[in-house]
Amino acid sequence: MADIHPDAMASRFRGYLPVVVDVETAGFNASTDALLEVAMVVMDMDERGMLTPGDSMSANIAPFEGANFEQSALDFTGIDPHDPDRNAENEETALAGMFKSIRKAMKAKGCKRAILVG
């Protein structure tokens, strides 16, 4: 198998690194409803130029003070936001670690920005 050029991702996507993001929330209003889980996958490219999943990150998020919880959203996800076994992290801390990993991947792949793929 031939090695792929380190800047192939940047060339293909005009300097953008695709990052697949999935979130689970306690409702649809970002201002009032809690973020409960977040997962991100940095995309890689194989020697044929096909996108493949690369490094993945995920975290259970501790709800912010005063967060709203829509029961229908909790029923849908099956998440108990107050379960101590979730080992939930502060949202800012969890996202900062994920963004650091994404910046490292951007540099390695010659990309200037990351782009969310939801």
PDB file of N, CA and C in Angstrom:
ATOM      1  N   MET A   1       0.830  -1.183   0.000  1.00  0.00           N
ATOM      2  CA  MET A   1       0.000   0.000   0.000  1.00  0.00           C
ATOM      3  C   MET A   1       0.877   1.250   0.000  1.00  0.00           C
ATOM      4  N   ALA A   2       0.507   2.208  -0.800  1.00  0.00           N
ATOM      5  CA  ALA A   2       1.267   3.456  -0.886  1.00  0.00           C
ATOM      6  C   ALA A   2       0.922   4.360   0.283  1.00  0.00           C
ATOM      7  N   ASP A   3       1.921   5.107   0.748  1.00  0.00           N
ATOM      8  CA  ASP A   3       1.670   6.081   1.801  1.00  0.00           C
ATOM      9  C   ASP A   3       0.934   7.267   1.212  1.00  0.00           C
ATOM     10  N   ILE A   4       0.060   7.841   2.009  1.00  0.00           N
ATOM     11  CA  ILE A   4      -0.671   9.025   1.574  1.00  0.00           C
ATOM     12  C   ILE A   4       0.103  10.268   2.014  1.00  0.00           C
ATOM     13  N   HIS A   5       0.109  11.273   1.192  1.00  0.00           N
ATOM     14  CA  HIS A   5       0.813  12.518   1.513  1.00  0.00           C
ATOM     15  C   HIS A   5       0.195  13.125   2.772  1.00  0.00           C
ATOM     16  N   PRO A   6       1.019  13.630   3.713  1.00  0.00           N
ATOM     17  CA  PRO A   6       0.490  14.150   4.974  1.00  0.00           C
ATOM     18  C   PRO A   6      -0.496  15.310   4.808  1.00  0.00           C
ATOM     19  N   ASP A   7      -0.405  16.057   3.704  1.00  0.00           N
ATOM     20  CA  ASP A   7      -1.306  17.190   3.496  1.00  0.00           C
ATOM     21  C   ASP A   7      -2.492  16.848   2.587  1.00  0.00           C
ATOM     22  N   ALA A   8      -2.714  15.564   2.321  1.00  0.00           N
ATOM     23  CA  ALA A   8      -3.788  15.160   1.405  1.00  0.00           C
ATOM     24  C   ALA A   8      -5.152  15.627   1.908  1.00  0.00           C
ATOM     25  N   MET A   9      -5.394  15.528   3.215  1.00  0.00           N
ATOM     26  CA  MET A   9      -6.678  15.954   3.776  1.00  0.00           C
ATOM     27  C   MET A   9      -6.855  17.452   3.550  1.00  0.00           C
ATOM     28  N   ALA A  10      -5.834  18.231   3.836  1.00  0.00           N
ATOM     29  CA  ALA A  10      -5.917  19.682   3.664  1.00  0.00           C
ATOM     30  C   ALA A  10      -6.171  20.040   2.203  1.00  0.00           C
ATOM     31  N   SER A  11      -5.524  19.333   1.289  1.00  0.00           N
ATOM     32  CA  SER A  11      -5.698  19.607  -0.139  1.00  0.00           C
ATOM     33  C   SER A  11      -7.116  19.276  -0.594  1.00  0.00           C
ATOM     34  N   ARG A  12      -7.632  18.183  -0.109  1.00  0.00           N
ATOM     35  CA  ARG A  12      -8.961  17.739  -0.551  1.00  0.00           C
ATOM     36  C   ARG A  12     -10.072  18.641  -0.045  1.00  0.00           C
ATOM     37  N   PHE A  13      -9.923  19.153   1.183  1.00  0.00           N
ATOM     38  CA  PHE A  13     -11.001  19.933   1.805  1.00  0.00           C
ATOM     39  C   PHE A  13     -10.607  21.395   2.030  1.00  0.00           C
ATOM     40  N   ARG A  14      -9.780  21.945   1.156  1.00  0.00           N
ATOM     41  CA  ARG A  14      -9.395  23.360   1.185  1.00  0.00           C
ATOM     42  C   ARG A  14      -8.903  23.818   2.559  1.00  0.00           C
ATOM     43  N   GLY A  15      -8.113  22.974   3.196  1.00  0.00           N
ATOM     44  CA  GLY A  15      -7.529  23.328   4.482  1.00  0.00           C
ATOM     45  C   GLY A  15      -8.367  22.989   5.694  1.00  0.00           C
ATOM     46  N   TYR A  16      -9.529  22.374   5.470  1.00  0.00           N
ATOM     47  CA  TYR A  16     -10.408  22.008   6.582  1.00  0.00           C
ATOM     48  C   TYR A  16     -10.235  20.536   6.950  1.00  0.00           C
ATOM     49  N   LEU A  17     -10.289  20.262   8.249  1.00  0.00           N
ATOM     50  CA  LEU A  17     -10.262  18.897   8.763  1.00  0.00           C
ATOM     51  C   LEU A  17     -11.675  18.520   9.191  1.00  0.00           C
ATOM     52  N   PRO A  18     -12.299  17.511   8.569  1.00  0.00           N
ATOM     53  CA  PRO A  18     -13.644  17.104   8.987  1.00  0.00           C
ATOM     54  C   PRO A  18     -13.617  16.388  10.339  1.00  0.00           C
ATOM     55  N   VAL A  19     -14.507  16.826  11.221  1.00  0.00           N
ATOM     56  CA  VAL A  19     -14.667  16.214  12.539  1.00  0.00           C
ATOM     57  C   VAL A  19     -16.150  15.897  12.715  1.00  0.00           C
ATOM     58  N   VAL A  20     -16.459  14.628  12.898  1.00  0.00           N
ATOM     59  CA  VAL A  20     -17.838  14.202  13.111  1.00  0.00           C
ATOM     60  C   VAL A  20     -18.167  14.396  14.592  1.00  0.00           C
ATOM     61  N   VAL A  21     -19.299  15.053  14.851  1.00  0.00           N
ATOM     62  CA  VAL A  21     -19.696  15.377  16.219  1.00  0.00           C
ATOM     63  C   VAL A  21     -21.097  14.836  16.480  1.00  0.00           C
ATOM     64  N   ASP A  22     -21.277  14.244  17.652  1.00  0.00           N
ATOM     65  CA  ASP A  22     -22.592  13.780  18.097  1.00  0.00           C
ATOM     66  C   ASP A  22     -22.792  14.271  19.515  1.00  0.00           C
ATOM     67  N   VAL A  23     -23.962  14.831  19.794  1.00  0.00           N
ATOM     68  CA  VAL A  23     -24.271  15.283  21.148  1.00  0.00           C
ATOM     69  C   VAL A  23     -25.592  14.691  21.602  1.00  0.00           C
ATOM     70  N   GLU A  24     -25.704  14.519  22.886  1.00  0.00           N
ATOM     71  CA  GLU A  24     -26.967  14.149  23.527  1.00  0.00           C
ATOM     72  C   GLU A  24     -27.281  15.265  24.506  1.00  0.00           C
ATOM     73  N   THR A  25     -28.496  15.779  24.433  1.00  0.00           N
ATOM     74  CA  THR A  25     -28.887  16.917  25.263  1.00  0.00           C
ATOM     75  C   THR A  25     -30.167  16.612  26.024  1.00  0.00           C
ATOM     76  N   ALA A  26     -30.487  17.506  26.958  1.00  0.00           N
ATOM     77  CA  ALA A  26     -31.707  17.381  27.748  1.00  0.00           C
ATOM     78  C   ALA A  26     -32.820  18.242  27.161  1.00  0.00           C
ATOM     79  N   GLY A  27     -32.696  18.602  25.900  1.00  0.00           N
ATOM     80  CA  GLY A  27     -33.690  19.428  25.212  1.00  0.00           C
ATOM     81  C   GLY A  27     -33.043  20.099  24.018  1.00  0.00           C
ATOM     82  N   PHE A  28     -33.783  20.990  23.371  1.00  0.00           N
ATOM     83  CA  PHE A  28     -33.306  21.619  22.139  1.00  0.00           C
ATOM     84  C   PHE A  28     -32.837  23.059  22.306  1.00  0.00           C
ATOM     85  N   ASN A  29     -32.949  23.620  23.481  1.00  0.00           N
ATOM     86  CA  ASN A  29     -32.555  25.016  23.690  1.00  0.00           C
ATOM     87  C   ASN A  29     -31.173  25.053  24.337  1.00  0.00           C
ATOM     88  N   ALA A  30     -30.170  25.465  23.575  1.00  0.00           N
ATOM     89  CA  ALA A  30     -28.783  25.477  24.070  1.00  0.00           C
ATOM     90  C   ALA A  30     -28.599  26.432  25.244  1.00  0.00           C
ATOM     91  N   SER A  31     -29.453  27.425  25.372  1.00  0.00           N
ATOM     92  CA  SER A  31     -29.325  28.396  26.458  1.00  0.00           C
ATOM     93  C   SER A  31     -29.822  27.856  27.793  1.00  0.00           C
ATOM     94  N   THR A  32     -30.776  26.923  27.730  1.00  0.00           N
ATOM     95  CA  THR A  32     -31.396  26.473  28.973  1.00  0.00           C
ATOM     96  C   THR A  32     -31.251  24.979  29.242  1.00  0.00           C
ATOM     97  N   ASP A  33     -31.068  24.182  28.209  1.00  0.00           N
ATOM     98  CA  ASP A  33     -31.072  22.729  28.367  1.00  0.00           C
ATOM     99  C   ASP A  33     -29.655  22.165  28.441  1.00  0.00           C
ATOM    100  N   ALA A  34     -29.484  21.174  29.286  1.00  0.00           N
ATOM    101  CA  ALA A  34     -28.159  20.608  29.565  1.00  0.00           C
ATOM    102  C   ALA A  34     -27.603  19.811  28.390  1.00  0.00           C
ATOM    103  N   LEU A  35     -26.291  19.962  28.170  1.00  0.00           N
ATOM    104  CA  LEU A  35     -25.528  19.067  27.305  1.00  0.00           C
ATOM    105  C   LEU A  35     -25.154  17.876  28.182  1.00  0.00           C
ATOM    106  N   LEU A  36     -25.483  16.663  27.751  1.00  0.00           N
ATOM    107  CA  LEU A  36     -25.275  15.485  28.587  1.00  0.00           C
ATOM    108  C   LEU A  36     -24.103  14.616  28.142  1.00  0.00           C
ATOM    109  N   GLU A  37     -23.921  14.478  26.842  1.00  0.00           N
ATOM    110  CA  GLU A  37     -22.815  13.673  26.300  1.00  0.00           C
ATOM    111  C   GLU A  37     -22.337  14.304  25.003  1.00  0.00           C
ATOM    112  N   VAL A  38     -21.047  14.165  24.731  1.00  0.00           N
ATOM    113  CA  VAL A  38     -20.495  14.628  23.459  1.00  0.00           C
ATOM    114  C   VAL A  38     -19.457  13.615  22.997  1.00  0.00           C
ATOM    115  N   ALA A  39     -19.464  13.355  21.691  1.00  0.00           N
ATOM    116  CA  ALA A  39     -18.467  12.466  21.088  1.00  0.00           C
ATOM    117  C   ALA A  39     -17.982  13.111  19.794  1.00  0.00           C
ATOM    118  N   MET A  40     -16.699  12.950  19.511  1.00  0.00           N
ATOM    119  CA  MET A  40     -16.111  13.498  18.293  1.00  0.00           C
ATOM    120  C   MET A  40     -15.178  12.463  17.673  1.00  0.00           C
ATOM    121  N   VAL A  41     -15.187  12.412  16.336  1.00  0.00           N
ATOM    122  CA  VAL A  41     -14.290  11.541  15.587  1.00  0.00           C
ATOM    123  C   VAL A  41     -13.587  12.390  14.534  1.00  0.00           C
ATOM    124  N   VAL A  42     -12.258  12.424  14.605  1.00  0.00           N
ATOM    125  CA  VAL A  42     -11.458  13.113  13.600  1.00  0.00           C
ATOM    126  C   VAL A  42     -11.320  12.174  12.414  1.00  0.00           C
ATOM    127  N   MET A  43     -11.602  12.675  11.233  1.00  0.00           N
ATOM    128  CA  MET A  43     -11.544  11.827  10.053  1.00  0.00           C
ATOM    129  C   MET A  43     -10.103  11.685   9.543  1.00  0.00           C
ATOM    130  N   ASP A  44      -9.802  10.488   9.056  1.00  0.00           N
ATOM    131  CA  ASP A  44      -8.527  10.176   8.401  1.00  0.00           C
ATOM    132  C   ASP A  44      -8.813   9.913   6.932  1.00  0.00           C
ATOM    133  N   MET A  45      -7.754   9.764   6.167  1.00  0.00           N
ATOM    134  CA  MET A  45      -7.895   9.433   4.751  1.00  0.00           C
ATOM    135  C   MET A  45      -6.966   8.263   4.455  1.00  0.00           C
ATOM    136  N   ASP A  46      -7.502   7.248   3.760  1.00  0.00           N
ATOM    137  CA  ASP A  46      -6.660   6.110   3.414  1.00  0.00           C
ATOM    138  C   ASP A  46      -5.881   6.396   2.132  1.00  0.00           C
ATOM    139  N   GLU A  47      -5.081   5.424   1.701  1.00  0.00           N
ATOM    140  CA  GLU A  47      -4.205   5.621   0.546  1.00  0.00           C
ATOM    141  C   GLU A  47      -4.976   5.806  -0.765  1.00  0.00           C
ATOM    142  N   ARG A  48      -6.265   5.456  -0.773  1.00  0.00           N
ATOM    143  CA  ARG A  48      -7.101   5.661  -1.969  1.00  0.00           C
ATOM    144  C   ARG A  48      -7.852   6.989  -1.932  1.00  0.00           C
ATOM    145  N   GLY A  49      -7.653   7.756  -0.834  1.00  0.00           N
ATOM    146  CA  GLY A  49      -8.355   9.031  -0.694  1.00  0.00           C
ATOM    147  C   GLY A  49      -9.736   8.902  -0.086  1.00  0.00           C
ATOM    148  N   MET A  50     -10.046   7.730   0.465  1.00  0.00           N
ATOM    149  CA  MET A  50     -11.349   7.514   1.099  1.00  0.00           C
ATOM    150  C   MET A  50     -11.272   7.922   2.565  1.00  0.00           C
ATOM    151  N   LEU A  51     -12.319   8.579   3.047  1.00  0.00           N
ATOM    152  CA  LEU A  51     -12.361   8.972   4.448  1.00  0.00           C
ATOM    153  C   LEU A  51     -12.631   7.768   5.325  1.00  0.00           C
ATOM    154  N   THR A  52     -11.920   7.712   6.447  1.00  0.00           N
ATOM    155  CA  THR A  52     -12.089   6.654   7.426  1.00  0.00           C
ATOM    156  C   THR A  52     -12.108   7.286   8.808  1.00  0.00           C
ATOM    157  N   PRO A  53     -12.761   6.654   9.780  1.00  0.00           N
ATOM    158  CA  PRO A  53     -12.738   7.202  11.134  1.00  0.00           C
ATOM    159  C   PRO A  53     -11.328   7.158  11.709  1.00  0.00           C
ATOM    160  N   GLY A  54     -10.932   8.239  12.345  1.00  0.00           N
ATOM    161  CA  GLY A  54      -9.634   8.306  13.010  1.00  0.00           C
ATOM    162  C   GLY A  54      -9.830   8.279  14.510  1.00  0.00           C
ATOM    163  N   ASP A  55      -9.087   9.112  15.201  1.00  0.00           N
ATOM    164  CA  ASP A  55      -9.173   9.171  16.654  1.00  0.00           C
ATOM    165  C   ASP A  55     -10.560   9.609  17.093  1.00  0.00           C
ATOM    166  N   SER A  56     -11.045   8.984  18.156  1.00  0.00           N
ATOM    167  CA  SER A  56     -12.349   9.359  18.707  1.00  0.00           C
ATOM    168  C   SER A  56     -12.194   9.788  20.159  1.00  0.00           C
ATOM    169  N   MET A  57     -13.102  10.657  20.563  1.00  0.00           N
ATOM    170  CA  MET A  57     -13.123  11.180  21.930  1.00  0.00           C
ATOM    171  C   MET A  57     -14.573  11.234  22.379  1.00  0.00           C
ATOM    172  N   SER A  58     -14.799  11.040  23.656  1.00  0.00           N
ATOM    173  CA  SER A  58     -16.159  11.183  24.172  1.00  0.00           C
ATOM    174  C   SER A  58     -16.105  11.549  25.650  1.00  0.00           C
ATOM    175  N   ALA A  59     -17.195  12.159  26.102  1.00  0.00           N
ATOM    176  CA  ALA A  59     -17.279  12.535  27.514  1.00  0.00           C
ATOM    177  C   ALA A  59     -18.739  12.626  27.934  1.00  0.00           C
ATOM    178  N   ASN A  60     -18.987  12.227  29.163  1.00  0.00           N
ATOM    179  CA  ASN A  60     -20.255  12.511  29.814  1.00  0.00           C
ATOM    180  C   ASN A  60     -20.099  13.881  30.459  1.00  0.00           C
ATOM    181  N   ILE A  61     -21.093  14.737  30.271  1.00  0.00           N
ATOM    182  CA  ILE A  61     -21.006  16.115  30.721  1.00  0.00           C
ATOM    183  C   ILE A  61     -21.912  16.349  31.928  1.00  0.00           C
ATOM    184  N   ALA A  62     -21.369  17.012  32.952  1.00  0.00           N
ATOM    185  CA  ALA A  62     -22.150  17.390  34.128  1.00  0.00           C
ATOM    186  C   ALA A  62     -23.035  18.577  33.762  1.00  0.00           C
ATOM    187  N   PRO A  63     -24.321  18.505  34.050  1.00  0.00           N
ATOM    188  CA  PRO A  63     -25.211  19.620  33.716  1.00  0.00           C
ATOM    189  C   PRO A  63     -24.798  20.902  34.451  1.00  0.00           C
ATOM    190  N   PHE A  64     -24.942  22.032  33.776  1.00  0.00           N
ATOM    191  CA  PHE A  64     -24.632  23.311  34.408  1.00  0.00           C
ATOM    192  C   PHE A  64     -25.692  23.667  35.444  1.00  0.00           C
ATOM    193  N   GLU A  65     -25.324  24.516  36.364  1.00  0.00           N
ATOM    194  CA  GLU A  65     -26.229  24.956  37.441  1.00  0.00           C
ATOM    195  C   GLU A  65     -27.488  25.569  36.846  1.00  0.00           C
ATOM    196  N   GLY A  66     -28.641  25.065  37.247  1.00  0.00           N
ATOM    197  CA  GLY A  66     -29.917  25.594  36.784  1.00  0.00           C
ATOM    198  C   GLY A  66     -30.373  25.061  35.436  1.00  0.00           C
ATOM    199  N   ALA A  67     -29.699  24.041  34.929  1.00  0.00           N
ATOM    200  CA  ALA A  67     -30.054  23.485  33.615  1.00  0.00           C
ATOM    201  C   ALA A  67     -31.467  22.916  33.615  1.00  0.00           C
ATOM    202  N   ASN A  68     -32.124  23.054  32.484  1.00  0.00           N
ATOM    203  CA  ASN A  68     -33.454  22.485  32.272  1.00  0.00           C
ATOM    204  C   ASN A  68     -33.305  21.062  31.746  1.00  0.00           C
ATOM    205  N   PHE A  69     -34.224  20.189  32.151  1.00  0.00           N
ATOM    206  CA  PHE A  69     -34.239  18.802  31.684  1.00  0.00           C
ATOM    207  C   PHE A  69     -35.620  18.486  31.135  1.00  0.00           C
ATOM    208  N   GLU A  70     -35.723  18.346  29.826  1.00  0.00           N
ATOM    209  CA  GLU A  70     -36.987  17.949  29.204  1.00  0.00           C
ATOM    210  C   GLU A  70     -37.129  16.445  29.385  1.00  0.00           C
ATOM    211  N   GLN A  71     -38.193  16.024  30.046  1.00  0.00           N
ATOM    212  CA  GLN A  71     -38.383  14.607  30.328  1.00  0.00           C
ATOM    213  C   GLN A  71     -38.420  13.775  29.057  1.00  0.00           C
ATOM    214  N   SER A  72     -39.009  14.313  28.007  1.00  0.00           N
ATOM    215  CA  SER A  72     -39.077  13.553  26.742  1.00  0.00           C
ATOM    216  C   SER A  72     -37.679  13.300  26.180  1.00  0.00           C
ATOM    217  N   ALA A  73     -36.769  14.255  26.344  1.00  0.00           N
ATOM    218  CA  ALA A  73     -35.389  14.064  25.874  1.00  0.00           C
ATOM    219  C   ALA A  73     -34.679  13.014  26.713  1.00  0.00           C
ATOM    220  N   LEU A  74     -34.875  13.045  28.016  1.00  0.00           N
ATOM    221  CA  LEU A  74     -34.254  12.049  28.902  1.00  0.00           C
ATOM    222  C   LEU A  74     -34.804  10.653  28.614  1.00  0.00           C
ATOM    223  N   ASP A  75     -36.107  10.575  28.346  1.00  0.00           N
ATOM    224  CA  ASP A  75     -36.712   9.288  28.006  1.00  0.00           C
ATOM    225  C   ASP A  75     -36.123   8.750  26.702  1.00  0.00           C
ATOM    226  N   PHE A  76     -35.908   9.635  25.740  1.00  0.00           N
ATOM    227  CA  PHE A  76     -35.372   9.231  24.434  1.00  0.00           C
ATOM    228  C   PHE A  76     -33.934   8.734  24.553  1.00  0.00           C
ATOM    229  N   THR A  77     -33.087   9.463  25.294  1.00  0.00           N
ATOM    230  CA  THR A  77     -31.677   9.086  25.404  1.00  0.00           C
ATOM    231  C   THR A  77     -31.430   7.996  26.431  1.00  0.00           C
ATOM    232  N   GLY A  78     -32.291   7.920  27.430  1.00  0.00           N
ATOM    233  CA  GLY A  78     -32.090   6.960  28.510  1.00  0.00           C
ATOM    234  C   GLY A  78     -31.008   7.382  29.492  1.00  0.00           C
ATOM    235  N   ILE A  79     -30.609   8.638  29.432  1.00  0.00           N
ATOM    236  CA  ILE A  79     -29.547   9.147  30.301  1.00  0.00           C
ATOM    237  C   ILE A  79     -30.142   9.687  31.590  1.00  0.00           C
ATOM    238  N   ASP A  80     -29.566   9.277  32.712  1.00  0.00           N
ATOM    239  CA  ASP A  80     -29.899   9.875  34.013  1.00  0.00           C
ATOM    240  C   ASP A  80     -28.802  10.881  34.323  1.00  0.00           C
ATOM    241  N   PRO A  81     -29.075  12.187  34.156  1.00  0.00           N
ATOM    242  CA  PRO A  81     -28.023  13.194  34.319  1.00  0.00           C
ATOM    243  C   PRO A  81     -27.449  13.270  35.738  1.00  0.00           C
ATOM    244  N   HIS A  82     -28.150  12.706  36.703  1.00  0.00           N
ATOM    245  CA  HIS A  82     -27.704  12.782  38.095  1.00  0.00           C
ATOM    246  C   HIS A  82     -27.074  11.484  38.594  1.00  0.00           C
ATOM    247  N   ASP A  83     -26.878  10.523  37.701  1.00  0.00           N
ATOM    248  CA  ASP A  83     -26.272   9.242  38.069  1.00  0.00           C
ATOM    249  C   ASP A  83     -24.779   9.454  38.346  1.00  0.00           C
ATOM    250  N   PRO A  84     -24.323   9.190  39.577  1.00  0.00           N
ATOM    251  CA  PRO A  84     -22.907   9.399  39.895  1.00  0.00           C
ATOM    252  C   PRO A  84     -21.973   8.459  39.126  1.00  0.00           C
ATOM    253  N   ASP A  85     -22.485   7.338  38.635  1.00  0.00           N
ATOM    254  CA  ASP A  85     -21.663   6.396  37.872  1.00  0.00           C
ATOM    255  C   ASP A  85     -21.370   6.872  36.443  1.00  0.00           C
ATOM    256  N   ARG A  86     -21.967   7.991  36.030  1.00  0.00           N
ATOM    257  CA  ARG A  86     -21.685   8.555  34.697  1.00  0.00           C
ATOM    258  C   ARG A  86     -20.277   9.140  34.643  1.00  0.00           C
ATOM    259  N   ASN A  87     -19.690   9.435  35.813  1.00  0.00           N
ATOM    260  CA  ASN A  87     -18.372  10.076  35.856  1.00  0.00           C
ATOM    261  C   ASN A  87     -18.340  11.312  34.958  1.00  0.00           C
ATOM    262  N   ALA A  88     -19.350  12.156  35.118  1.00  0.00           N
ATOM    263  CA  ALA A  88     -19.505  13.340  34.278  1.00  0.00           C
ATOM    264  C   ALA A  88     -18.433  14.380  34.576  1.00  0.00           C
ATOM    265  N   GLU A  89     -18.001  15.049  33.509  1.00  0.00           N
ATOM    266  CA  GLU A  89     -16.992  16.102  33.590  1.00  0.00           C
ATOM    267  C   GLU A  89     -17.637  17.463  33.372  1.00  0.00           C
ATOM    268  N   ASN A  90     -16.952  18.479  33.831  1.00  0.00           N
ATOM    269  CA  ASN A  90     -17.335  19.841  33.531  1.00  0.00           C
ATOM    270  C   ASN A  90     -17.276  20.039  32.021  1.00  0.00           C
ATOM    271  N   GLU A  91     -18.272  20.697  31.443  1.00  0.00           N
ATOM    272  CA  GLU A  91     -18.343  20.882  29.990  1.00  0.00           C
ATOM    273  C   GLU A  91     -17.100  21.584  29.437  1.00  0.00           C
ATOM    274  N   GLU A  92     -16.678  22.644  30.079  1.00  0.00           N
ATOM    275  CA  GLU A  92     -15.525  23.405  29.601  1.00  0.00           C
ATOM    276  C   GLU A  92     -14.254  22.558  29.597  1.00  0.00           C
ATOM    277  N   THR A  93     -14.035  21.791  30.643  1.00  0.00           N
ATOM    278  CA  THR A  93     -12.851  20.937  30.744  1.00  0.00           C
ATOM    279  C   THR A  93     -12.865  19.848  29.681  1.00  0.00           C
ATOM    280  N   ALA A  94     -14.009  19.187  29.517  1.00  0.00           N
ATOM    281  CA  ALA A  94     -14.122  18.103  28.538  1.00  0.00           C
ATOM    282  C   ALA A  94     -13.893  18.616  27.119  1.00  0.00           C
ATOM    283  N   LEU A  95     -14.539  19.720  26.776  1.00  0.00           N
ATOM    284  CA  LEU A  95     -14.398  20.255  25.420  1.00  0.00           C
ATOM    285  C   LEU A  95     -12.991  20.786  25.165  1.00  0.00           C
ATOM    286  N   ALA A  96     -12.370  21.393  26.176  1.00  0.00           N
ATOM    287  CA  ALA A  96     -10.999  21.899  26.002  1.00  0.00           C
ATOM    288  C   ALA A  96     -10.050  20.758  25.635  1.00  0.00           C
ATOM    289  N   GLY A  97     -10.196  19.605  26.284  1.00  0.00           N
ATOM    290  CA  GLY A  97      -9.356  18.450  25.968  1.00  0.00           C
ATOM    291  C   GLY A  97      -9.602  17.939  24.561  1.00  0.00           C
ATOM    292  N   MET A  98     -10.864  17.914  24.148  1.00  0.00           N
ATOM    293  CA  MET A  98     -11.196  17.458  22.796  1.00  0.00           C
ATOM    294  C   MET A  98     -10.646  18.433  21.753  1.00  0.00           C
ATOM    295  N   PHE A  99     -10.804  19.724  21.993  1.00  0.00           N
ATOM    296  CA  PHE A  99     -10.317  20.723  21.044  1.00  0.00           C
ATOM    297  C   PHE A  99      -8.799  20.690  20.935  1.00  0.00           C
ATOM    298  N   LYS A 100      -8.117  20.382  22.020  1.00  0.00           N
ATOM    299  CA  LYS A 100      -6.654  20.254  21.977  1.00  0.00           C
ATOM    300  C   LYS A 100      -6.264  19.098  21.050  1.00  0.00           C
ATOM    301  N   SER A 101      -6.965  17.979  21.155  1.00  0.00           N
ATOM    302  CA  SER A 101      -6.697  16.827  20.282  1.00  0.00           C
ATOM    303  C   SER A 101      -6.987  17.161  18.820  1.00  0.00           C
ATOM    304  N   ILE A 102      -8.034  17.926  18.585  1.00  0.00           N
ATOM    305  CA  ILE A 102      -8.378  18.318  17.221  1.00  0.00           C
ATOM    306  C   ILE A 102      -7.310  19.248  16.647  1.00  0.00           C
ATOM    307  N   ARG A 103      -6.836  20.201  17.447  1.00  0.00           N
ATOM    308  CA  ARG A 103      -5.771  21.100  16.975  1.00  0.00           C
ATOM    309  C   ARG A 103      -4.503  20.310  16.620  1.00  0.00           C
ATOM    310  N   LYS A 104      -4.190  19.299  17.416  1.00  0.00           N
ATOM    311  CA  LYS A 104      -3.027  18.449  17.138  1.00  0.00           C
ATOM    312  C   LYS A 104      -3.219  17.711  15.807  1.00  0.00           C
ATOM    313  N   ALA A 105      -4.414  17.190  15.576  1.00  0.00           N
ATOM    314  CA  ALA A 105      -4.704  16.489  14.320  1.00  0.00           C
ATOM    315  C   ALA A 105      -4.663  17.455  13.134  1.00  0.00           C
ATOM    316  N   MET A 106      -5.162  18.676  13.314  1.00  0.00           N
ATOM    317  CA  MET A 106      -5.117  19.678  12.249  1.00  0.00           C
ATOM    318  C   MET A 106      -3.673  19.931  11.831  1.00  0.00           C
ATOM    319  N   LYS A 107      -2.819  20.102  12.803  1.00  0.00           N
ATOM    320  CA  LYS A 107      -1.410  20.369  12.511  1.00  0.00           C
ATOM    321  C   LYS A 107      -0.785  19.186  11.765  1.00  0.00           C
ATOM    322  N   ALA A 108      -1.059  17.971  12.239  1.00  0.00           N
ATOM    323  CA  ALA A 108      -0.480  16.771  11.630  1.00  0.00           C
ATOM    324  C   ALA A 108      -0.944  16.581  10.187  1.00  0.00           C
ATOM    325  N   LYS A 109      -2.160  17.049   9.879  1.00  0.00           N
ATOM    326  CA  LYS A 109      -2.729  16.845   8.547  1.00  0.00           C
ATOM    327  C   LYS A 109      -2.603  18.092   7.670  1.00  0.00           C
ATOM    328  N   GLY A 110      -1.929  19.121   8.172  1.00  0.00           N
ATOM    329  CA  GLY A 110      -1.714  20.330   7.382  1.00  0.00           C
ATOM    330  C   GLY A 110      -2.952  21.186   7.212  1.00  0.00           C
ATOM    331  N   CYS A 111      -3.928  21.035   8.096  1.00  0.00           N
ATOM    332  CA  CYS A 111      -5.175  21.797   8.003  1.00  0.00           C
ATOM    333  C   CYS A 111      -5.106  23.061   8.852  1.00  0.00           C
ATOM    334  N   LYS A 112      -5.813  24.082   8.419  1.00  0.00           N
ATOM    335  CA  LYS A 112      -5.840  25.361   9.132  1.00  0.00           C
ATOM    336  C   LYS A 112      -7.068  25.510  10.022  1.00  0.00           C
ATOM    337  N   ARG A 113      -8.121  24.764   9.713  1.00  0.00           N
ATOM    338  CA  ARG A 113      -9.366  24.824  10.478  1.00  0.00           C
ATOM    339  C   ARG A 113      -9.989  23.430  10.519  1.00  0.00           C
ATOM    340  N   ALA A 114     -10.863  23.251  11.490  1.00  0.00           N
ATOM    341  CA  ALA A 114     -11.669  22.033  11.552  1.00  0.00           C
ATOM    342  C   ALA A 114     -13.098  22.413  11.174  1.00  0.00           C
ATOM    343  N   ILE A 115     -13.811  21.462  10.607  1.00  0.00           N
ATOM    344  CA  ILE A 115     -15.208  21.708  10.229  1.00  0.00           C
ATOM    345  C   ILE A 115     -16.072  20.612  10.830  1.00  0.00           C
ATOM    346  N   LEU A 116     -17.164  21.018  11.468  1.00  0.00           N
ATOM    347  CA  LEU A 116     -18.082  20.092  12.109  1.00  0.00           C
ATOM    348  C   LEU A 116     -18.910  19.366  11.058  1.00  0.00           C
ATOM    349  N   VAL A 117     -18.967  18.058  11.176  1.00  0.00           N
ATOM    350  CA  VAL A 117     -19.835  17.225  10.363  1.00  0.00           C
ATOM    351  C   VAL A 117     -20.787  16.562  11.337  1.00  0.00           C
ATOM    352  N   GLY A 118     -22.049  16.965  11.326  1.00  0.00           N
ATOM    353  CA  GLY A 118     -23.022  16.457  12.301  1.00  0.00           C
ATOM    354  C   GLY A 118     -23.806  15.294  11.789  1.00  0.00           C
TER     355      GLY A 118
END
